[in-house]
């Protein structure tokens, strides 16, 4: 890589030199692929049932930051549109 001690490079420059995508992009792509599989599943499949159960709300309001897989996917779908 020819990067020696006092010199620094950014992550973007490192990705360019290594010719790879950022892991955050790779994770986003895989998450979208998994969502596609979930949405095409049979309604009686366990994963499909679990996805439907996430729509139900309990009576208690939770405090704090609760970043769930579903919230993250919804946010990413809005960003890609």
PDB file of N, CA and C in Angstrom:
ATOM      1  N   UNK A   1       0.815  -1.194   0.000  1.00  0.00           N
ATOM      2  CA  UNK A   1       0.000   0.000   0.000  1.00  0.00           C
ATOM      3  C   UNK A   1       0.862   1.262   0.000  1.00  0.00           C
ATOM      4  N   UNK A   2       2.079   1.162   0.425  1.00  0.00           N
ATOM      5  CA  UNK A   2       3.026   2.281   0.453  1.00  0.00           C
ATOM      6  C   UNK A   2       2.504   3.464   1.278  1.00  0.00           C
ATOM      7  N   UNK A   3       1.970   3.129   2.446  1.00  0.00           N
ATOM      8  CA  UNK A   3       1.537   4.149   3.395  1.00  0.00           C
ATOM      9  C   UNK A   3       2.465   4.014   4.599  1.00  0.00           C
ATOM     10  N   UNK A   4       3.254   5.009   4.842  1.00  0.00           N
ATOM     11  CA  UNK A   4       4.219   4.941   5.929  1.00  0.00           C
ATOM     12  C   UNK A   4       3.849   5.914   7.027  1.00  0.00           C
ATOM     13  N   UNK A   5       4.528   5.765   8.168  1.00  0.00           N
ATOM     14  CA  UNK A   5       4.046   6.343   9.418  1.00  0.00           C
ATOM     15  C   UNK A   5       3.587   7.786   9.376  1.00  0.00           C
ATOM     16  N   UNK A   6       4.189   8.807   9.213  1.00  0.00           N
ATOM     17  CA  UNK A   6       3.418   9.999   9.558  1.00  0.00           C
ATOM     18  C   UNK A   6       2.327  10.346   8.547  1.00  0.00           C
ATOM     19  N   UNK A   7       2.293   9.666   7.427  1.00  0.00           N
ATOM     20  CA  UNK A   7       1.298   9.987   6.401  1.00  0.00           C
ATOM     21  C   UNK A   7      -0.018   9.270   6.670  1.00  0.00           C
ATOM     22  N   UNK A   8      -1.083   9.954   6.334  1.00  0.00           N
ATOM     23  CA  UNK A   8      -2.419   9.386   6.534  1.00  0.00           C
ATOM     24  C   UNK A   8      -3.199   9.485   5.230  1.00  0.00           C
ATOM     25  N   UNK A   9      -4.153   8.559   5.073  1.00  0.00           N
ATOM     26  CA  UNK A   9      -5.064   8.650   3.941  1.00  0.00           C
ATOM     27  C   UNK A   9      -6.487   8.464   4.468  1.00  0.00           C
ATOM     28  N   UNK A  10      -7.445   8.938   3.713  1.00  0.00           N
ATOM     29  CA  UNK A  10      -8.839   8.799   4.117  1.00  0.00           C
ATOM     30  C   UNK A  10      -9.337   7.402   3.770  1.00  0.00           C
ATOM     31  N   UNK A  11     -10.467   7.040   4.348  1.00  0.00           N
ATOM     32  CA  UNK A  11     -11.068   5.750   4.021  1.00  0.00           C
ATOM     33  C   UNK A  11     -11.444   5.675   2.551  1.00  0.00           C
ATOM     34  N   UNK A  12     -11.924   6.779   2.004  1.00  0.00           N
ATOM     35  CA  UNK A  12     -12.302   6.801   0.586  1.00  0.00           C
ATOM     36  C   UNK A  12     -11.093   6.512  -0.292  1.00  0.00           C
ATOM     37  N   UNK A  13      -9.971   7.130   0.039  1.00  0.00           N
ATOM     38  CA  UNK A  13      -8.745   6.885  -0.725  1.00  0.00           C
ATOM     39  C   UNK A  13      -8.298   5.429  -0.570  1.00  0.00           C
ATOM     40  N   UNK A  14      -8.432   4.884   0.619  1.00  0.00           N
ATOM     41  CA  UNK A  14      -8.072   3.486   0.849  1.00  0.00           C
ATOM     42  C   UNK A  14      -8.938   2.555   0.010  1.00  0.00           C
ATOM     43  N   UNK A  15     -10.249   2.824  -0.030  1.00  0.00           N
ATOM     44  CA  UNK A  15     -11.147   2.005  -0.851  1.00  0.00           C
ATOM     45  C   UNK A  15     -10.779   2.095  -2.326  1.00  0.00           C
ATOM     46  N   UNK A  16     -10.395   3.282  -2.786  1.00  0.00           N
ATOM     47  CA  UNK A  16      -9.986   3.433  -4.187  1.00  0.00           C
ATOM     48  C   UNK A  16      -8.724   2.626  -4.484  1.00  0.00           C
ATOM     49  N   UNK A  17      -7.764   2.689  -3.583  1.00  0.00           N
ATOM     50  CA  UNK A  17      -6.518   1.958  -3.798  1.00  0.00           C
ATOM     51  C   UNK A  17      -6.731   0.438  -3.776  1.00  0.00           C
ATOM     52  N   UNK A  18      -7.612  -0.016  -2.899  1.00  0.00           N
ATOM     53  CA  UNK A  18      -7.867  -1.454  -2.786  1.00  0.00           C
ATOM     54  C   UNK A  18      -8.908  -1.936  -3.802  1.00  0.00           C
ATOM     55  N   UNK A  19      -9.588  -1.000  -4.464  1.00  0.00           N
ATOM     56  CA  UNK A  19     -10.636  -1.317  -5.441  1.00  0.00           C
ATOM     57  C   UNK A  19     -11.751  -2.165  -4.825  1.00  0.00           C
ATOM     58  N   UNK A  20     -12.244  -1.728  -3.660  1.00  0.00           N
ATOM     59  CA  UNK A  20     -13.344  -2.413  -2.976  1.00  0.00           C
ATOM     60  C   UNK A  20     -14.404  -1.385  -2.602  1.00  0.00           C
ATOM     61  N   UNK A  21     -15.617  -1.875  -2.375  1.00  0.00           N
ATOM     62  CA  UNK A  21     -16.705  -1.008  -1.895  1.00  0.00           C
ATOM     63  C   UNK A  21     -16.614  -0.879  -0.387  1.00  0.00           C
ATOM     64  N   UNK A  22     -17.164   0.195   0.118  1.00  0.00           N
ATOM     65  CA  UNK A  22     -17.219   0.397   1.563  1.00  0.00           C
ATOM     66  C   UNK A  22     -18.140  -0.651   2.177  1.00  0.00           C
ATOM     67  N   UNK A  23     -17.823  -1.108   3.382  1.00  0.00           N
ATOM     68  CA  UNK A  23     -18.644  -2.131   4.040  1.00  0.00           C
ATOM     69  C   UNK A  23     -20.051  -1.626   4.296  1.00  0.00           C
ATOM     70  N   UNK A  24     -20.188  -0.352   4.574  1.00  0.00           N
ATOM     71  CA  UNK A  24     -21.526   0.183   4.811  1.00  0.00           C
ATOM     72  C   UNK A  24     -22.404   0.028   3.574  1.00  0.00           C
ATOM     73  N   UNK A  25     -21.833   0.216   2.390  1.00  0.00           N
ATOM     74  CA  UNK A  25     -22.601   0.008   1.155  1.00  0.00           C
ATOM     75  C   UNK A  25     -22.930  -1.467   0.958  1.00  0.00           C
ATOM     76  N   UNK A  26     -21.978  -2.324   1.243  1.00  0.00           N
ATOM     77  CA  UNK A  26     -22.203  -3.769   1.095  1.00  0.00           C
ATOM     78  C   UNK A  26     -23.307  -4.248   2.033  1.00  0.00           C
ATOM     79  N   UNK A  27     -23.305  -3.759   3.251  1.00  0.00           N
ATOM     80  CA  UNK A  27     -24.347  -4.139   4.223  1.00  0.00           C
ATOM     81  C   UNK A  27     -25.705  -3.637   3.759  1.00  0.00           C
ATOM     82  N   UNK A  28     -25.756  -2.418   3.233  1.00  0.00           N
ATOM     83  CA  UNK A  28     -27.011  -1.850   2.739  1.00  0.00           C
ATOM     84  C   UNK A  28     -27.574  -2.703   1.590  1.00  0.00           C
ATOM     85  N   UNK A  29     -26.718  -3.118   0.677  1.00  0.00           N
ATOM     86  CA  UNK A  29     -27.143  -3.952  -0.452  1.00  0.00           C
ATOM     87  C   UNK A  29     -27.680  -5.285   0.042  1.00  0.00           C
ATOM     88  N   UNK A  30     -26.975  -5.916   0.984  1.00  0.00           N
ATOM     89  CA  UNK A  30     -27.427  -7.209   1.511  1.00  0.00           C
ATOM     90  C   UNK A  30     -28.734  -7.085   2.271  1.00  0.00           C
ATOM     91  N   UNK A  31     -28.908  -5.976   3.000  1.00  0.00           N
ATOM     92  CA  UNK A  31     -30.149  -5.754   3.737  1.00  0.00           C
ATOM     93  C   UNK A  31     -31.335  -5.625   2.773  1.00  0.00           C
ATOM     94  N   UNK A  32     -31.125  -4.930   1.657  1.00  0.00           N
ATOM     95  CA  UNK A  32     -32.190  -4.783   0.660  1.00  0.00           C
ATOM     96  C   UNK A  32     -32.518  -6.115  -0.011  1.00  0.00           C
ATOM     97  N   UNK A  33     -31.502  -6.929  -0.259  1.00  0.00           N
ATOM     98  CA  UNK A  33     -31.742  -8.257  -0.847  1.00  0.00           C
ATOM     99  C   UNK A  33     -32.565  -9.115   0.116  1.00  0.00           C
ATOM    100  N   UNK A  34     -32.226  -9.059   1.398  1.00  0.00           N
ATOM    101  CA  UNK A  34     -32.963  -9.843   2.393  1.00  0.00           C
ATOM    102  C   UNK A  34     -34.409  -9.374   2.482  1.00  0.00           C
ATOM    103  N   UNK A  35     -34.630  -8.077   2.397  1.00  0.00           N
ATOM    104  CA  UNK A  35     -35.986  -7.538   2.409  1.00  0.00           C
ATOM    105  C   UNK A  35     -36.771  -8.070   1.213  1.00  0.00           C
ATOM    106  N   UNK A  36     -36.158  -8.132   0.057  1.00  0.00           N
ATOM    107  CA  UNK A  36     -36.817  -8.682  -1.118  1.00  0.00           C
ATOM    108  C   UNK A  36     -37.228 -10.124  -0.910  1.00  0.00           C
ATOM    109  N   UNK A  37     -36.378 -10.917  -0.292  1.00  0.00           N
ATOM    110  CA  UNK A  37     -36.719 -12.315   0.001  1.00  0.00           C
ATOM    111  C   UNK A  37     -37.889 -12.390   0.977  1.00  0.00           C
ATOM    112  N   UNK A  38     -37.853 -11.562   2.006  1.00  0.00           N
ATOM    113  CA  UNK A  38     -38.930 -11.577   3.002  1.00  0.00           C
ATOM    114  C   UNK A  38     -40.275 -11.214   2.386  1.00  0.00           C
ATOM    115  N   UNK A  39     -40.277 -10.231   1.522  1.00  0.00           N
ATOM    116  CA  UNK A  39     -41.538  -9.779   0.937  1.00  0.00           C
ATOM    117  C   UNK A  39     -42.125 -10.791  -0.051  1.00  0.00           C
ATOM    118  N   UNK A  40     -41.283 -11.630  -0.633  1.00  0.00           N
ATOM    119  CA  UNK A  40     -41.769 -12.640  -1.580  1.00  0.00           C
ATOM    120  C   UNK A  40     -42.123 -13.965  -0.922  1.00  0.00           C
ATOM    121  N   UNK A  41     -41.860 -14.121   0.355  1.00  0.00           N
ATOM    122  CA  UNK A  41     -42.137 -15.378   1.036  1.00  0.00           C
ATOM    123  C   UNK A  41     -43.632 -15.658   1.139  1.00  0.00           C
ATOM    124  N   UNK A  42     -43.952 -16.921   1.328  1.00  0.00           N
ATOM    125  CA  UNK A  42     -45.320 -17.342   1.586  1.00  0.00           C
ATOM    126  C   UNK A  42     -45.787 -16.716   2.903  1.00  0.00           C
ATOM    127  N   UNK A  43     -47.078 -16.418   2.986  1.00  0.00           N
ATOM    128  CA  UNK A  43     -47.605 -15.775   4.194  1.00  0.00           C
ATOM    129  C   UNK A  43     -47.459 -16.636   5.438  1.00  0.00           C
ATOM    130  N   UNK A  44     -47.378 -17.956   5.275  1.00  0.00           N
ATOM    131  CA  UNK A  44     -47.280 -18.854   6.425  1.00  0.00           C
ATOM    132  C   UNK A  44     -45.840 -19.181   6.815  1.00  0.00           C
ATOM    133  N   UNK A  45     -44.874 -18.622   6.120  1.00  0.00           N
ATOM    134  CA  UNK A  45     -43.471 -18.862   6.460  1.00  0.00           C
ATOM    135  C   UNK A  45     -43.147 -18.164   7.788  1.00  0.00           C
ATOM    136  N   UNK A  46     -42.339 -18.783   8.625  1.00  0.00           N
ATOM    137  CA  UNK A  46     -42.025 -18.189   9.932  1.00  0.00           C
ATOM    138  C   UNK A  46     -41.440 -16.778   9.843  1.00  0.00           C
ATOM    139  N   UNK A  47     -40.566 -16.537   8.874  1.00  0.00           N
ATOM    140  CA  UNK A  47     -39.971 -15.209   8.748  1.00  0.00           C
ATOM    141  C   UNK A  47     -41.020 -14.174   8.349  1.00  0.00           C
ATOM    142  N   UNK A  48     -41.956 -14.562   7.500  1.00  0.00           N
ATOM    143  CA  UNK A  48     -43.031 -13.654   7.093  1.00  0.00           C
ATOM    144  C   UNK A  48     -43.959 -13.338   8.266  1.00  0.00           C
ATOM    145  N   UNK A  49     -44.254 -14.344   9.058  1.00  0.00           N
ATOM    146  CA  UNK A  49     -45.091 -14.142  10.243  1.00  0.00           C
ATOM    147  C   UNK A  49     -44.390 -13.212  11.235  1.00  0.00           C
ATOM    148  N   UNK A  50     -43.090 -13.401  11.422  1.00  0.00           N
ATOM    149  CA  UNK A  50     -42.330 -12.548  12.342  1.00  0.00           C
ATOM    150  C   UNK A  50     -42.315 -11.101  11.855  1.00  0.00           C
ATOM    151  N   UNK A  51     -42.215 -10.894  10.539  1.00  0.00           N
ATOM    152  CA  UNK A  51     -42.229  -9.542   9.995  1.00  0.00           C
ATOM    153  C   UNK A  51     -43.582  -8.876  10.245  1.00  0.00           C
ATOM    154  N   UNK A  52     -44.653  -9.637  10.114  1.00  0.00           N
ATOM    155  CA  UNK A  52     -45.992  -9.098  10.379  1.00  0.00           C
ATOM    156  C   UNK A  52     -46.161  -8.767  11.863  1.00  0.00           C
ATOM    157  N   UNK A  53     -45.570  -9.540  12.742  1.00  0.00           N
ATOM    158  CA  UNK A  53     -45.684  -9.304  14.181  1.00  0.00           C
ATOM    159  C   UNK A  53     -45.010  -7.999  14.594  1.00  0.00           C
ATOM    160  N   UNK A  54     -44.036  -7.539  13.820  1.00  0.00           N
ATOM    161  CA  UNK A  54     -43.356  -6.285  14.169  1.00  0.00           C
ATOM    162  C   UNK A  54     -44.274  -5.091  13.973  1.00  0.00           C
ATOM    163  N   UNK A  55     -45.358  -5.248  13.216  1.00  0.00           N
ATOM    164  CA  UNK A  55     -46.301  -4.143  13.015  1.00  0.00           C
ATOM    165  C   UNK A  55     -47.183  -3.910  14.226  1.00  0.00           C
ATOM    166  N   UNK A  56     -47.331  -4.931  15.054  1.00  0.00           N
ATOM    167  CA  UNK A  56     -48.162  -4.789  16.245  1.00  0.00           C
ATOM    168  C   UNK A  56     -47.430  -3.947  17.284  1.00  0.00           C
ATOM    169  N   UNK A  57     -48.187  -3.099  17.973  1.00  0.00           N
ATOM    170  CA  UNK A  57     -47.569  -2.258  18.992  1.00  0.00           C
ATOM    171  C   UNK A  57     -48.087  -2.675  20.359  1.00  0.00           C
ATOM    172  N   UNK A  58     -47.236  -2.548  21.332  1.00  0.00           N
ATOM    173  CA  UNK A  58     -47.655  -2.842  22.700  1.00  0.00           C
ATOM    174  C   UNK A  58     -48.169  -1.558  23.337  1.00  0.00           C
ATOM    175  N   UNK A  59     -48.785  -1.670  24.485  1.00  0.00           N
ATOM    176  CA  UNK A  59     -49.347  -0.518  25.164  1.00  0.00           C
ATOM    177  C   UNK A  59     -48.301   0.400  25.752  1.00  0.00           C
ATOM    178  N   UNK A  60     -47.118  -0.121  26.043  1.00  0.00           N
ATOM    179  CA  UNK A  60     -46.085   0.689  26.680  1.00  0.00           C
ATOM    180  C   UNK A  60     -45.273   1.445  25.640  1.00  0.00           C
ATOM    181  N   UNK A  61     -44.926   2.664  25.986  1.00  0.00           N
ATOM    182  CA  UNK A  61     -44.049   3.451  25.134  1.00  0.00           C
ATOM    183  C   UNK A  61     -42.631   3.306  25.665  1.00  0.00           C
ATOM    184  N   UNK A  62     -41.741   2.829  24.808  1.00  0.00           N
ATOM    185  CA  UNK A  62     -40.355   2.632  25.230  1.00  0.00           C
ATOM    186  C   UNK A  62     -39.598   3.945  25.143  1.00  0.00           C
ATOM    187  N   UNK A  63     -38.672   4.109  26.046  1.00  0.00           N
ATOM    188  CA  UNK A  63     -37.856   5.306  26.061  1.00  0.00           C
ATOM    189  C   UNK A  63     -36.495   5.008  25.450  1.00  0.00           C
ATOM    190  N   UNK A  64     -35.867   6.041  24.974  1.00  0.00           N
ATOM    191  CA  UNK A  64     -34.520   5.900  24.452  1.00  0.00           C
ATOM    192  C   UNK A  64     -34.503   5.617  22.965  1.00  0.00           C
ATOM    193  N   UNK A  65     -33.334   5.304  22.484  1.00  0.00           N
ATOM    194  CA  UNK A  65     -33.125   5.055  21.067  1.00  0.00           C
ATOM    195  C   UNK A  65     -33.314   3.567  20.795  1.00  0.00           C
ATOM    196  N   UNK A  66     -34.339   3.230  20.036  1.00  0.00           N
ATOM    197  CA  UNK A  66     -34.594   1.834  19.691  1.00  0.00           C
ATOM    198  C   UNK A  66     -34.527   1.670  18.184  1.00  0.00           C
ATOM    199  N   UNK A  67     -33.312   1.555  17.673  1.00  0.00           N
ATOM    200  CA  UNK A  67     -33.110   1.380  16.240  1.00  0.00           C
ATOM    201  C   UNK A  67     -33.319  -0.095  15.917  1.00  0.00           C
ATOM    202  N   UNK A  68     -34.366  -0.402  15.204  1.00  0.00           N
ATOM    203  CA  UNK A  68     -34.664  -1.781  14.844  1.00  0.00           C
ATOM    204  C   UNK A  68     -34.326  -2.003  13.385  1.00  0.00           C
ATOM    205  N   UNK A  69     -34.265  -3.277  12.984  1.00  0.00           N
ATOM    206  CA  UNK A  69     -33.988  -3.630  11.597  1.00  0.00           C
ATOM    207  C   UNK A  69     -35.047  -3.023  10.688  1.00  0.00           C
ATOM    208  N   UNK A  70     -36.294  -3.104  11.116  1.00  0.00           N
ATOM    209  CA  UNK A  70     -37.395  -2.588  10.316  1.00  0.00           C
ATOM    210  C   UNK A  70     -37.289  -1.079  10.118  1.00  0.00           C
ATOM    211  N   UNK A  71     -37.002  -0.337  11.174  1.00  0.00           N
ATOM    212  CA  UNK A  71     -36.866   1.114  11.063  1.00  0.00           C
ATOM    213  C   UNK A  71     -35.712   1.483  10.139  1.00  0.00           C
ATOM    214  N   UNK A  72     -34.625   0.753  10.236  1.00  0.00           N
ATOM    215  CA  UNK A  72     -33.464   1.011   9.405  1.00  0.00           C
ATOM    216  C   UNK A  72     -33.770   0.753   7.935  1.00  0.00           C
ATOM    217  N   UNK A  73     -34.484  -0.323   7.645  1.00  0.00           N
ATOM    218  CA  UNK A  73     -34.842  -0.648   6.269  1.00  0.00           C
ATOM    219  C   UNK A  73     -35.777   0.404   5.693  1.00  0.00           C
ATOM    220  N   UNK A  74     -36.766   0.817   6.461  1.00  0.00           N
ATOM    221  CA  UNK A  74     -37.714   1.843   5.998  1.00  0.00           C
ATOM    222  C   UNK A  74     -36.959   3.134   5.679  1.00  0.00           C
ATOM    223  N   UNK A  75     -36.025   3.491   6.524  1.00  0.00           N
ATOM    224  CA  UNK A  75     -35.226   4.706   6.296  1.00  0.00           C
ATOM    225  C   UNK A  75     -34.412   4.585   5.013  1.00  0.00           C
ATOM    226  N   UNK A  76     -33.780   3.435   4.788  1.00  0.00           N
ATOM    227  CA  UNK A  76     -32.970   3.246   3.596  1.00  0.00           C
ATOM    228  C   UNK A  76     -33.808   3.204   2.321  1.00  0.00           C
ATOM    229  N   UNK A  77     -34.996   2.625   2.401  1.00  0.00           N
ATOM    230  CA  UNK A  77     -35.871   2.591   1.224  1.00  0.00           C
ATOM    231  C   UNK A  77     -36.289   4.009   0.854  1.00  0.00           C
ATOM    232  N   UNK A  78     -36.596   4.837   1.836  1.00  0.00           N
ATOM    233  CA  UNK A  78     -36.950   6.231   1.568  1.00  0.00           C
ATOM    234  C   UNK A  78     -35.781   6.988   0.950  1.00  0.00           C
ATOM    235  N   UNK A  79     -34.565   6.698   1.407  1.00  0.00           N
ATOM    236  CA  UNK A  79     -33.384   7.382   0.871  1.00  0.00           C
ATOM    237  C   UNK A  79     -33.090   6.977  -0.564  1.00  0.00           C
ATOM    238  N   UNK A  80     -33.371   5.727  -0.924  1.00  0.00           N
ATOM    239  CA  UNK A  80     -33.081   5.275  -2.276  1.00  0.00           C
ATOM    240  C   UNK A  80     -34.111   5.749  -3.286  1.00  0.00           C
ATOM    241  N   UNK A  81     -35.329   6.045  -2.833  1.00  0.00           N
ATOM    242  CA  UNK A  81     -36.361   6.543  -3.749  1.00  0.00           C
ATOM    243  C   UNK A  81     -36.052   7.973  -4.036  1.00  0.00           C
TER     244      UNK A  81
END
